[in-house]
Protein backbone atom coordinates (compact mmCIF):
# COMPACT_ATOMS: atom_id res chain seq x y z
CA UNK A 1 64.36 97.62 -103.88
CA UNK A 2 60.62 97.32 -104.05
CA UNK A 3 58.41 100.31 -103.36
CA UNK A 4 55.42 99.96 -101.12
CA UNK A 5 52.13 101.98 -101.32
CA UNK A 6 53.35 104.67 -99.09
CA UNK A 7 56.50 105.11 -101.15
CA UNK A 8 54.53 105.50 -104.34
CA UNK A 9 52.09 107.97 -102.73
CA UNK A 10 55.15 110.06 -101.44
CA UNK A 11 56.89 110.06 -104.82
CA UNK A 12 53.63 111.12 -106.61
CA UNK A 13 52.87 113.90 -104.11
CA UNK A 14 56.44 115.16 -104.24
CA UNK A 15 56.40 115.17 -108.06
CA UNK A 16 53.14 117.12 -107.89
CA UNK A 17 54.68 119.62 -105.51
CA UNK A 18 57.75 119.98 -107.72
CA UNK A 19 55.64 120.51 -110.89
CA UNK A 20 53.56 123.09 -108.93
CA UNK A 21 56.66 124.97 -107.84
CA UNK A 22 58.00 124.92 -111.39
CA UNK A 23 54.74 126.43 -112.64
CA UNK A 24 54.88 129.05 -109.95
CA UNK A 25 58.52 130.01 -110.75
CA UNK A 26 58.09 129.98 -114.56
CA UNK A 27 54.56 131.27 -115.06
CA UNK A 28 53.41 132.59 -111.68
CA UNK A 29 50.62 129.99 -111.83
CA UNK A 30 49.66 127.97 -108.76
CA UNK A 31 48.05 124.75 -110.12
CA UNK A 32 46.94 123.59 -106.64
CA UNK A 33 45.32 126.95 -105.80
CA UNK A 34 43.69 127.02 -109.32
CA UNK A 35 42.14 123.59 -108.71
CA UNK A 36 41.19 123.68 -105.01
CA UNK A 37 41.01 127.39 -104.30
CA UNK A 38 43.50 129.90 -102.85
CA UNK A 39 44.54 128.54 -99.33
CA UNK A 40 41.27 126.51 -99.07
CA UNK A 41 41.23 123.72 -96.53
CA UNK A 42 41.83 121.15 -99.33
CA UNK A 43 44.77 123.04 -100.76
CA UNK A 44 46.34 123.38 -97.34
CA UNK A 45 45.93 119.65 -96.77
CA UNK A 46 47.64 118.99 -100.16
CA UNK A 47 50.52 121.38 -99.23
CA UNK A 48 50.91 119.61 -95.94
CA UNK A 49 50.89 116.15 -97.58
CA UNK A 50 53.46 117.30 -100.13
CA UNK A 51 55.68 118.58 -97.40
CA UNK A 52 55.29 115.39 -95.34
CA UNK A 53 55.98 113.33 -98.46
CA UNK A 54 59.30 115.24 -98.98
CA UNK A 55 60.34 114.65 -95.35
CA UNK A 56 59.40 110.94 -95.78
CA UNK A 57 61.54 110.64 -98.88
CA UNK A 58 64.45 112.39 -97.15
CA UNK A 59 64.19 109.90 -94.33
CA UNK A 60 63.92 106.77 -96.52
CA UNK A 61 66.79 108.13 -98.73
CA UNK A 62 69.07 108.65 -95.81
CA UNK A 63 68.09 105.27 -94.42
CA UNK A 64 68.90 103.60 -97.73
CA UNK A 65 72.27 105.46 -97.81
CA UNK A 66 73.29 103.90 -94.54
CA UNK A 67 72.44 100.33 -95.79
CA UNK A 68 75.64 98.31 -96.13
CA UNK A 69 75.66 95.24 -98.38
CA UNK A 70 77.77 92.36 -97.09
CA UNK A 71 78.76 89.27 -99.14
CA UNK A 72 79.39 85.79 -97.60
CA UNK A 73 82.56 85.34 -99.46
CA UNK A 74 85.41 87.80 -99.17
CA UNK A 75 86.87 86.41 -102.42
CA UNK A 76 84.28 87.78 -104.76
CA UNK A 77 85.73 90.20 -107.30
CA UNK A 78 83.52 93.00 -108.26
């Protein structure tokens, strides 16, 4: 499976969101708010993009889970 640009962006944003939530839980430190300001327009955009990335990864993950691989020959031993 090859990842396209949107996949890479979604993974990067979701990882950033996960790290941010880990910092909030462990140290009560919100990295996004520290960099871009508490609920500034830019931080809100980042939060929205992280959420959309998570939804996109859920969608693509379920789509991949439904993919069935068929072989041409029924006599192949796996």
